[in-house]
Amino acid sequence: MCKHIISILFMTTTLLAGSCKKAVEGYNTDPNSPLDADAITMLTGIEVGNMSIQEGELARVAGMWCGYFAGQQQQYQAFYQYLIIARNYDDSWQRIFSGTLKNNRLMRQKANAVNNKRLVGVSQVIEANLMGTATALWGDVPFKQASDESFPNPAYEGQVQVYGYIQALLDSAIQNLSSTAFIDFAAQDIHFAGNMSKWTQTAYTLKARYYTHTKQYAQALTAAQNGINAAANNWVAPHSTAAKGTYNLYYQFFAQDRPTWLDANGTYASSLVNPAGTKTRGNTKTIERARFNYLFSSATNPNYTTNGFYYMTVAFPIATYAENLLILAEADARVNGLTAGLTRLNSFRSYMATGGYIGATYLTAGNYKYDAYVAADFAAGGIENGGATPIADDRALLREIIEERYVTFIGQIEGFNDMRRTFKETDVRVPVVPNTGTQLPQRFLYPQIEIDLNTSTPNPIPSLYSPTPVNQ
């Protein structure tokens, strides 16, 4: 009788192994290749699996399509020009569903069996992040039947419905994270070392993120008020010099595996934060030189040199205090207007005025300034609403908040999600233009392996330029 096999997840790949129980137990057994493991032992590998999804190929492709990167060599030159096929998504899809999600749900089942409710809660937060990324990028996806061998053709569920499942999952996570029933897993938790307060804040920030995706801004505002409340509580992917497999994934790509394939030449993001750029967002209250230097080593290259954003040991953001502050700013501006939104934006600017998330190496005096804005700055003729065609002051504030989100998310999938969410708001969206042609990509393609093997795959298959349901 075949046993469940645990996937061993490494930093850059997910390896799936299969085997049947031998007639003679223990004969020719390799102790370094376990057939089973308890829930706590599984945790680190599952956390690393999720990290690789948030920080790896999906983020690079999303970044090319929202003005963060430019593809210059091999397939990345084609991807940059939107010449991508379903087969290019096979690996990422399998990492999500056959690797990380499957093992995460197995871990949760095992944690429930021993009444380790806090580990159940952590598992639910990880799944919410994993499936939030999947549904944001692909739209309708399998959820309830996903990664379950009893469903060889798992049903797809509507994107709005999937976001609803994610919100319910996070509500349950928040309850479980406060449980007194647990077995300690601090040593296996590479994110927060078993700190339930930090996991709970992360759950609320993810709730706020996904309410923002679905344009439920009042709910996003409520959730974010309980979200990540300090940079020390950021949910990040940790990196080190211990071995190549522990390096920042962008560093591995830029410096080691695929140098010259991807840069920032001519990108909207580089020009926006570059004080010498043609679209620079600096003004009398804002100096962006430190942030530019942290993110870019030059006008054409991402910074993967010592302590730059993409350096080997620099932790990668998954959900952060900066994001939570900007969710509060956008949601309050949309729900309660100019004064409320401005107060929230100035809270973010106050954080950045102390250096914010910019690496300390780059915080040279005079290279950064984020003075508080006042309402007049967003009135017609103000420093954030000038030009020949000013817009309403509350919309000018919203435009600034969305632009701030755009530069804060450089290198992250959320920048691509924002671009599509605000695409129809032509007065406030970041005006990224297509790399080629006249259309911006609106989704990722369903992978060929899914089209070939899962009869539930949507038919007709949406094109690259078909908005997902929440963005229609």
Protein backbone atom coordinates (compact mmCIF):
# COMPACT_ATOMS: atom_id res chain seq x y z
CA MET A 1 0.00 0.00 0.00
CA CYS A 2 1.51 3.32 -1.07
CA LYS A 3 2.27 5.87 1.62
CA HIS A 4 2.03 9.63 1.36
CA ILE A 5 5.39 11.02 0.36
CA ILE A 6 6.70 14.24 1.80
CA SER A 7 8.22 16.69 -0.65
CA ILE A 8 11.62 18.02 0.34
CA LEU A 9 11.64 21.67 -0.67
CA PHE A 10 14.92 23.38 -1.37
CA MET A 11 15.54 27.12 -1.88
CA THR A 12 15.23 27.12 -5.64
CA THR A 13 13.37 23.94 -6.56
CA THR A 14 10.68 21.53 -5.38
CA LEU A 15 11.53 17.87 -5.66
CA LEU A 16 8.71 15.37 -5.54
CA ALA A 17 9.53 11.75 -4.74
CA GLY A 18 7.29 8.68 -4.89
CA SER A 19 7.63 5.17 -3.47
CA CYS A 20 5.66 2.17 -2.20
CA LYS A 21 6.14 0.46 1.10
CA LYS A 22 8.51 -2.48 0.84
CA ALA A 23 7.54 -5.95 1.95
CA VAL A 24 10.48 -5.96 4.36
CA GLU A 25 10.51 -2.85 6.56
CA GLY A 26 13.86 -1.05 6.87
CA TYR A 27 15.66 -3.07 4.18
CA ASN A 28 17.85 -0.81 2.00
CA THR A 29 16.35 2.27 3.67
CA ASP A 30 18.21 5.56 3.19
CA PRO A 31 17.91 7.56 6.45
CA ASN A 32 18.56 10.76 4.47
CA SER A 33 15.49 10.19 2.27
CA PRO A 34 12.57 9.86 4.70
CA LEU A 35 9.25 8.50 3.51
CA ASP A 36 7.36 10.40 6.15
CA ALA A 37 7.78 13.24 8.64
CA ASP A 38 5.78 14.90 11.36
CA ALA A 39 4.13 18.27 10.83
CA ILE A 40 6.80 20.30 12.63
CA THR A 41 9.59 18.75 10.57
CA MET A 42 7.73 19.69 7.38
CA LEU A 43 7.38 23.38 8.25
CA THR A 44 10.76 24.74 7.16
CA GLY A 45 10.58 23.14 3.72
CA ILE A 46 7.06 24.47 3.16
CA GLU A 47 8.11 27.97 4.19
CA VAL A 48 11.02 27.80 1.74
CA GLY A 49 8.70 26.53 -0.99
CA ASN A 50 6.42 29.53 -0.56
CA MET A 51 9.41 31.88 -0.51
CA SER A 52 10.60 30.54 -3.87
CA ILE A 53 7.19 31.21 -5.39
CA GLN A 54 6.91 34.77 -4.11
CA GLU A 55 10.51 35.72 -4.94
CA GLY A 56 11.33 33.69 -8.03
CA GLU A 57 10.24 33.40 -11.65
CA LEU A 58 6.71 34.74 -11.13
CA ALA A 59 8.05 37.96 -9.62
CA ARG A 60 10.57 38.42 -12.45
CA VAL A 61 7.99 38.00 -15.20
CA ALA A 62 5.46 40.21 -13.39
CA GLY A 63 8.22 42.80 -12.97
CA MET A 64 8.94 42.88 -16.71
CA TRP A 65 5.28 43.52 -17.40
CA CYS A 66 4.81 46.41 -14.99
CA GLY A 67 7.89 48.47 -15.71
CA TYR A 68 10.37 47.14 -13.13
CA PHE A 69 12.68 45.12 -15.41
CA ALA A 70 13.63 44.80 -19.08
CA GLY A 71 14.37 41.42 -20.64
CA GLN A 72 17.54 41.49 -22.72
CA GLN A 73 18.67 37.91 -23.43
CA GLN A 74 17.32 34.49 -24.38
CA GLN A 75 13.72 33.75 -23.35
CA TYR A 76 13.59 36.83 -21.13
CA GLN A 77 13.85 39.02 -24.20
CA ALA A 78 10.83 37.18 -25.60
CA PHE A 79 8.91 37.34 -22.31
CA TYR A 80 9.55 41.08 -22.16
CA GLN A 81 7.87 41.40 -25.56
CA TYR A 82 4.94 39.25 -24.35
CA LEU A 83 6.05 36.28 -26.50
CA ILE A 84 5.21 33.65 -23.93
CA ILE A 85 3.41 30.32 -24.23
CA ALA A 86 1.46 28.10 -21.87
CA ARG A 87 4.40 25.68 -21.47
CA ASN A 88 6.45 28.45 -19.84
CA TYR A 89 4.18 28.30 -16.79
CA ASP A 90 4.33 24.54 -16.15
CA ASP A 91 7.09 24.67 -13.56
CA SER A 92 5.64 27.52 -11.50
CA TRP A 93 2.17 25.94 -11.47
CA GLN A 94 3.58 22.61 -10.31
CA ARG A 95 5.60 24.31 -7.57
CA ILE A 96 2.43 25.92 -6.27
CA PHE A 97 -0.04 23.04 -6.52
CA SER A 98 1.90 19.75 -6.66
CA GLY A 99 4.62 20.94 -4.32
CA THR A 100 3.93 23.59 -1.73
CA LEU A 101 0.12 23.53 -1.49
CA LYS A 102 -0.08 19.73 -1.37
CA ASN A 103 2.51 19.45 1.37
CA ASN A 104 1.14 22.41 3.30
CA ARG A 105 -2.28 20.80 3.46
CA LEU A 106 -0.72 17.50 4.53
CA MET A 107 1.20 19.34 7.25
CA ARG A 108 -2.03 20.97 8.45
CA GLN A 109 -3.77 17.60 8.55
CA LYS A 110 -0.96 16.20 10.69
CA ALA A 111 -0.90 19.28 12.93
CA ASN A 112 -4.63 18.95 13.52
CA ALA A 113 -4.19 15.28 14.39
CA VAL A 114 -1.92 16.20 17.32
CA ASN A 115 -3.93 19.32 18.23
CA ASN A 116 -1.11 21.71 17.31
CA LYS A 117 -3.51 24.54 16.55
CA ARG A 118 -0.87 27.24 16.26
CA LEU A 119 0.90 25.31 13.52
CA VAL A 120 -2.47 24.89 11.82
CA GLY A 121 -2.78 28.68 11.88
CA VAL A 122 0.67 29.18 10.37
CA SER A 123 -0.21 26.69 7.64
CA GLN A 124 -3.38 28.64 6.89
CA VAL A 125 -1.47 31.92 6.56
CA ILE A 126 1.00 30.30 4.16
CA GLU A 127 -1.82 28.82 2.08
CA ALA A 128 -3.60 32.17 1.94
CA ASN A 129 -0.44 33.80 0.60
CA LEU A 130 0.18 30.98 -1.85
CA MET A 131 -3.35 30.87 -3.23
CA GLY A 132 -3.73 34.66 -3.13
CA THR A 133 -0.76 34.86 -5.47
CA ALA A 134 -2.15 32.11 -7.70
CA THR A 135 -5.62 33.59 -8.10
CA ALA A 136 -4.25 37.12 -8.55
CA LEU A 137 -2.08 35.99 -11.45
CA TRP A 138 -4.32 33.39 -13.13
CA GLY A 139 -7.86 34.34 -12.12
CA ASP A 140 -10.06 31.26 -11.68
CA VAL A 141 -8.01 28.42 -10.15
CA PRO A 142 -8.64 25.08 -8.42
CA PHE A 143 -9.02 25.54 -4.69
CA LYS A 144 -11.14 23.06 -2.72
CA GLN A 145 -10.18 20.08 -4.89
CA ALA A 146 -6.63 21.27 -5.60
CA SER A 147 -3.69 18.98 -4.76
CA ASP A 148 -6.03 16.17 -3.78
CA GLU A 149 -5.29 12.86 -5.52
CA SER A 150 -8.94 11.82 -5.23
CA PHE A 151 -9.75 14.57 -7.75
CA PRO A 152 -7.71 13.88 -10.91
CA ASN A 153 -9.44 16.80 -12.64
CA PRO A 154 -9.80 19.38 -9.85
CA ALA A 155 -12.58 21.87 -10.47
CA TYR A 156 -11.77 25.51 -11.08
CA GLU A 157 -13.54 28.04 -8.91
CA GLY A 158 -14.27 31.66 -9.70
CA GLN A 159 -11.67 34.22 -8.70
CA VAL A 160 -14.09 36.16 -6.48
CA GLN A 161 -15.07 32.92 -4.74
CA VAL A 162 -11.40 31.97 -4.23
CA TYR A 163 -10.71 35.32 -2.59
CA GLY A 164 -13.66 34.60 -0.31
CA TYR A 165 -12.17 31.23 0.65
CA ILE A 166 -8.86 32.97 1.38
CA GLN A 167 -10.53 35.47 3.68
CA ALA A 168 -12.27 32.67 5.57
CA LEU A 169 -8.97 30.79 5.78
CA LEU A 170 -7.28 33.82 7.33
CA ASP A 171 -10.13 34.32 9.81
CA SER A 172 -9.64 30.74 10.92
CA ALA A 173 -5.87 31.25 11.05
CA ILE A 174 -6.24 34.22 13.38
CA GLN A 175 -8.27 32.11 15.79
CA ASN A 176 -5.83 29.19 15.66
CA LEU A 177 -2.78 31.40 16.15
CA SER A 178 -4.16 32.48 19.52
CA SER A 179 -4.82 28.92 20.68
CA THR A 180 -3.18 27.57 23.83
CA ALA A 181 -3.03 24.15 22.18
CA PHE A 182 0.34 23.79 20.50
CA ILE A 183 3.61 21.93 20.30
CA ASP A 184 6.57 24.29 20.05
CA PHE A 185 7.96 24.75 16.53
CA ALA A 186 10.08 27.87 17.05
CA ALA A 187 13.25 26.15 15.78
CA GLN A 188 11.59 25.16 12.50
CA ASP A 189 9.89 28.51 11.83
CA ILE A 190 12.43 30.46 9.80
CA HIS A 191 10.21 33.54 9.57
CA PHE A 192 9.10 34.36 13.11
CA ALA A 193 10.55 31.62 15.35
CA GLY A 194 7.08 30.77 16.58
CA ASN A 195 6.05 34.35 17.46
CA MET A 196 2.26 34.23 17.18
CA SER A 197 1.80 38.00 17.44
CA LYS A 198 3.84 38.49 14.27
CA TRP A 199 2.01 35.71 12.45
CA THR A 200 -1.32 37.24 13.47
CA GLN A 201 -0.33 40.70 12.23
CA THR A 202 0.76 39.09 8.95
CA ALA A 203 -2.62 37.41 8.63
CA TYR A 204 -4.40 40.76 8.99
CA THR A 205 -2.10 42.43 6.44
CA LEU A 206 -2.82 39.62 3.98
CA LYS A 207 -6.54 40.08 4.60
CA ALA A 208 -6.10 43.78 3.82
CA ARG A 209 -4.05 42.98 0.69
CA TYR A 210 -6.65 40.63 -0.72
CA TYR A 211 -9.55 42.97 0.11
CA THR A 212 -7.59 45.57 -1.85
CA HIS A 213 -7.32 43.14 -4.77
CA THR A 214 -11.11 42.79 -4.80
CA LYS A 215 -11.62 46.55 -4.35
CA GLN A 216 -13.37 46.08 -0.99
CA TYR A 217 -11.62 49.09 0.46
CA ALA A 218 -13.67 49.50 3.63
CA GLN A 219 -12.87 45.92 4.63
CA ALA A 220 -9.21 46.47 3.70
CA LEU A 221 -9.09 49.50 5.98
CA THR A 222 -10.52 47.54 8.90
CA ALA A 223 -8.14 44.61 8.44
CA ALA A 224 -5.03 46.77 8.02
CA GLN A 225 -5.67 48.46 11.35
CA ASN A 226 -4.69 45.14 12.94
CA GLY A 227 -1.91 44.44 10.47
CA ILE A 228 1.90 44.63 10.64
CA ASN A 229 2.61 47.57 12.93
CA ALA A 230 6.42 47.80 12.84
CA ALA A 231 9.21 46.98 10.42
CA ALA A 232 10.55 44.51 12.99
CA ASN A 233 7.43 42.43 12.35
CA ASN A 234 7.85 42.22 8.57
CA TRP A 235 7.23 38.85 6.94
CA VAL A 236 10.37 38.32 4.88
CA ALA A 237 12.30 35.54 3.18
CA PRO A 238 15.59 35.32 5.09
CA HIS A 239 18.85 34.85 3.20
CA SER A 240 22.46 34.16 4.16
CA THR A 241 25.92 33.27 2.86
CA ALA A 242 25.72 29.70 4.18
CA ALA A 243 25.36 28.17 0.69
CA LYS A 244 24.14 29.18 -2.74
CA GLY A 245 20.75 27.71 -1.94
CA THR A 246 20.31 30.25 0.85
CA TYR A 247 21.16 33.32 -1.27
CA ASN A 248 18.59 35.91 -2.29
CA LEU A 249 16.94 34.42 -5.41
CA TYR A 250 17.28 37.64 -7.39
CA TYR A 251 21.00 37.67 -6.57
CA GLN A 252 21.32 34.13 -7.85
CA PHE A 253 19.61 35.15 -11.07
CA PHE A 254 21.34 38.52 -11.66
CA ALA A 255 24.86 37.69 -10.45
CA GLN A 256 25.28 33.96 -10.95
CA ASP A 257 22.83 32.06 -13.11
CA ARG A 258 21.60 34.47 -15.79
CA PRO A 259 23.74 37.63 -15.87
CA THR A 260 22.75 40.03 -18.67
CA TRP A 261 19.35 38.41 -19.18
CA LEU A 262 17.45 41.01 -17.17
CA ASP A 263 18.19 44.63 -16.34
CA ALA A 264 16.41 47.94 -15.74
CA ASN A 265 17.38 49.73 -18.94
CA GLY A 266 14.66 52.19 -19.94
CA THR A 267 12.22 51.00 -17.29
CA TYR A 268 9.52 53.26 -15.90
CA ALA A 269 10.44 52.38 -12.31
CA SER A 270 14.09 53.32 -12.70
CA SER A 271 13.24 56.66 -14.27
CA LEU A 272 10.63 57.40 -11.61
CA VAL A 273 12.93 57.16 -8.58
CA ASN A 274 16.09 58.37 -10.32
CA PRO A 275 16.67 62.03 -9.38
CA ALA A 276 18.08 62.49 -12.88
CA GLY A 277 15.32 60.48 -14.57
CA THR A 278 12.92 61.92 -17.12
CA LYS A 279 9.93 61.03 -14.93
CA THR A 280 11.48 61.66 -11.53
CA ARG A 281 8.96 61.91 -8.70
CA GLY A 282 11.17 64.11 -6.55
CA ASN A 283 9.95 67.55 -5.49
CA THR A 284 10.68 70.15 -2.84
CA LYS A 285 9.49 67.74 -0.13
CA THR A 286 10.87 64.52 -1.58
CA ILE A 287 14.42 63.34 -2.32
CA GLU A 288 14.63 59.78 -3.66
CA ARG A 289 18.39 59.39 -4.21
CA ALA A 290 18.85 56.92 -1.35
CA ARG A 291 15.98 54.73 -2.47
CA PHE A 292 17.23 54.85 -6.06
CA ASN A 293 20.73 53.83 -4.98
CA TYR A 294 19.34 50.99 -2.85
CA LEU A 295 17.26 49.62 -5.72
CA PHE A 296 19.50 50.40 -8.70
CA SER A 297 23.28 50.39 -9.12
CA SER A 298 22.82 52.61 -12.17
CA ALA A 299 20.00 53.91 -14.34
CA THR A 300 20.11 50.60 -16.21
CA ASN A 301 20.83 47.94 -13.60
CA PRO A 302 19.14 46.56 -10.47
CA ASN A 303 21.38 46.80 -7.41
CA TYR A 304 22.69 43.36 -6.43
CA THR A 305 25.97 44.76 -5.09
CA THR A 306 26.76 44.82 -1.36
CA ASN A 307 23.61 45.46 0.70
CA GLY A 308 21.56 46.55 -2.31
CA PHE A 309 17.94 45.37 -2.50
CA TYR A 310 18.91 42.27 -4.52
CA TYR A 311 22.14 41.41 -2.69
CA MET A 312 22.74 37.78 -1.65
CA THR A 313 22.01 38.24 2.06
CA VAL A 314 19.20 40.81 1.85
CA ALA A 315 15.84 39.46 3.02
CA PHE A 316 13.04 39.59 0.46
CA PRO A 317 9.73 41.22 1.50
CA ILE A 318 6.61 39.01 1.48
CA ALA A 319 4.27 41.23 3.54
CA THR A 320 5.53 44.33 5.34
CA TYR A 321 4.87 47.33 7.53
CA ALA A 322 5.40 49.55 4.47
CA GLU A 323 2.69 47.73 2.55
CA ASN A 324 0.32 47.87 5.50
CA LEU A 325 0.81 51.64 5.86
CA LEU A 326 0.08 52.13 2.18
CA ILE A 327 -3.02 49.95 2.31
CA LEU A 328 -4.25 52.17 5.13
CA ALA A 329 -3.47 55.27 3.07
CA GLU A 330 -5.23 54.11 -0.09
CA ALA A 331 -8.22 52.57 1.66
CA ASP A 332 -8.78 55.57 3.94
CA ALA A 333 -8.46 57.96 1.00
CA ARG A 334 -11.02 55.99 -0.99
CA VAL A 335 -13.44 55.46 1.89
CA ASN A 336 -13.10 58.67 3.91
CA GLY A 337 -11.56 61.22 1.59
CA LEU A 338 -8.65 63.63 1.40
CA THR A 339 -8.00 64.45 5.05
CA ALA A 340 -8.05 60.86 6.25
CA GLY A 341 -5.93 59.62 3.35
CA LEU A 342 -3.41 62.43 3.73
CA THR A 343 -2.89 61.63 7.41
CA ARG A 344 -2.21 58.02 6.51
CA LEU A 345 0.17 58.93 3.68
CA ASN A 346 2.11 61.20 6.02
CA SER A 347 2.47 58.28 8.44
CA PHE A 348 4.19 56.37 5.67
CA ARG A 349 6.37 59.36 4.82
CA SER A 350 7.32 59.73 8.47
CA TYR A 351 8.48 56.11 8.41
CA MET A 352 10.50 56.75 5.24
CA ALA A 353 11.99 59.93 6.73
CA THR A 354 13.75 57.71 9.28
CA GLY A 355 15.13 55.57 6.44
CA GLY A 356 12.15 53.25 6.12
CA TYR A 357 12.98 49.99 4.41
CA ILE A 358 16.03 51.44 2.59
CA GLY A 359 19.23 49.62 3.52
CA ALA A 360 21.34 51.56 6.01
CA THR A 361 24.32 51.49 3.64
CA TYR A 362 22.52 53.95 1.37
CA LEU A 363 21.14 56.39 3.94
CA THR A 364 23.65 59.16 3.42
CA ALA A 365 22.59 62.52 4.83
CA GLY A 366 20.93 64.66 2.18
CA ASN A 367 20.09 61.66 -0.03
CA TYR A 368 16.58 61.20 1.28
CA LYS A 369 13.76 63.46 2.38
CA TYR A 370 10.08 62.74 2.93
CA ASP A 371 8.55 65.83 4.48
CA ALA A 372 4.86 65.80 5.35
CA TYR A 373 2.44 66.89 2.67
CA VAL A 374 -0.40 69.35 3.27
CA ALA A 375 -3.75 69.55 1.54
CA ALA A 376 -2.60 72.48 -0.61
CA ASP A 377 0.01 70.23 -2.24
CA PHE A 378 -2.83 68.33 -3.89
CA ALA A 379 -4.96 71.30 -4.88
CA ALA A 380 -4.79 72.55 -8.46
CA GLY A 381 -1.34 74.06 -8.95
CA GLY A 382 0.13 72.30 -5.89
CA ILE A 383 3.39 70.40 -6.09
CA GLU A 384 1.47 67.13 -6.54
CA ASN A 385 -1.21 68.47 -8.87
CA GLY A 386 0.47 70.78 -11.33
CA GLY A 387 0.50 70.75 -15.09
CA ALA A 388 -1.98 71.95 -17.65
CA THR A 389 -4.77 69.59 -16.57
CA PRO A 390 -4.99 69.31 -12.78
CA ILE A 391 -7.40 66.80 -11.30
CA ALA A 392 -9.58 66.88 -8.19
CA ASP A 393 -7.48 67.15 -5.04
CA ASP A 394 -8.69 63.85 -3.57
CA ARG A 395 -7.80 62.09 -6.84
CA ALA A 396 -4.40 63.77 -6.87
CA LEU A 397 -3.77 62.35 -3.40
CA LEU A 398 -4.85 58.91 -4.56
CA ARG A 399 -2.53 59.18 -7.55
CA GLU A 400 0.39 59.90 -5.23
CA ILE A 401 -0.48 56.97 -2.96
CA ILE A 402 -0.72 54.55 -5.90
CA GLU A 403 2.58 55.81 -7.27
CA GLU A 404 4.15 55.34 -3.84
CA ARG A 405 2.85 51.78 -3.77
CA TYR A 406 4.36 51.22 -7.22
CA VAL A 407 7.88 52.20 -6.19
CA THR A 408 7.62 50.45 -2.82
CA PHE A 409 6.72 47.19 -4.59
CA ILE A 410 9.63 47.26 -7.06
CA GLY A 411 10.71 43.64 -7.52
CA GLN A 412 7.50 42.25 -5.99
CA ILE A 413 4.41 40.69 -7.58
CA GLU A 414 2.13 43.28 -5.95
CA GLY A 415 3.29 45.94 -8.42
CA PHE A 416 1.81 43.91 -11.29
CA ASN A 417 -1.35 43.30 -9.28
CA ASP A 418 -1.75 47.05 -8.66
CA MET A 419 -1.17 47.91 -12.31
CA ARG A 420 -4.07 45.70 -13.36
CA ARG A 421 -6.35 46.67 -10.47
CA THR A 422 -6.10 50.39 -11.24
CA PHE A 423 -5.85 50.01 -15.03
CA LYS A 424 -9.21 51.68 -15.75
CA GLU A 425 -8.57 54.61 -13.39
CA THR A 426 -6.70 56.58 -16.02
CA ASP A 427 -6.51 59.73 -13.91
CA VAL A 428 -4.62 58.10 -11.01
CA ARG A 429 -2.94 54.90 -12.21
CA VAL A 430 0.78 54.67 -12.84
CA PRO A 431 1.01 55.26 -16.61
CA VAL A 432 3.19 52.29 -17.52
CA VAL A 433 3.11 51.76 -21.29
CA PRO A 434 3.34 48.41 -23.13
CA ASN A 435 6.82 47.11 -23.90
CA THR A 436 5.54 46.34 -27.37
CA GLY A 437 2.23 46.78 -29.16
CA THR A 438 -0.72 48.58 -27.61
CA GLN A 439 -1.88 46.27 -24.80
CA LEU A 440 -0.58 45.45 -21.33
CA PRO A 441 -0.80 41.83 -20.12
CA GLN A 442 -3.70 41.28 -17.76
CA ARG A 443 -2.98 37.77 -16.48
CA PHE A 444 -0.67 34.77 -16.69
CA LEU A 445 -1.54 31.94 -19.08
CA TYR A 446 -2.84 28.62 -17.80
CA PRO A 447 0.06 26.13 -18.06
CA GLN A 448 0.18 23.54 -20.82
CA ILE A 449 0.40 20.69 -18.34
CA GLU A 450 -2.95 21.79 -16.91
CA ILE A 451 -4.54 22.17 -20.33
CA ASP A 452 -3.34 18.69 -21.32
CA LEU A 453 -4.19 16.81 -18.12
CA ASN A 454 -7.06 18.59 -16.36
CA THR A 455 -10.37 18.47 -18.20
CA SER A 456 -11.69 21.18 -15.85
CA THR A 457 -9.35 23.82 -17.28
CA PRO A 458 -11.44 26.80 -18.48
CA ASN A 459 -12.51 26.60 -22.10
CA PRO A 460 -12.13 28.82 -24.05
CA ILE A 461 -8.75 29.56 -22.50
CA PRO A 462 -8.35 33.27 -21.64
CA SER A 463 -5.69 35.18 -23.52
CA LEU A 464 -2.82 37.14 -21.99
CA TYR A 465 -4.84 40.33 -22.44
CA SER A 466 -8.12 39.13 -20.87
CA PRO A 467 -8.63 40.82 -17.48
CA THR A 468 -9.25 38.51 -14.54
CA PRO A 469 -12.78 38.78 -13.09
CA VAL A 470 -11.88 41.20 -10.27
CA ASN A 471 -10.26 43.57 -12.79
CA GLN A 472 -13.01 43.58 -15.43
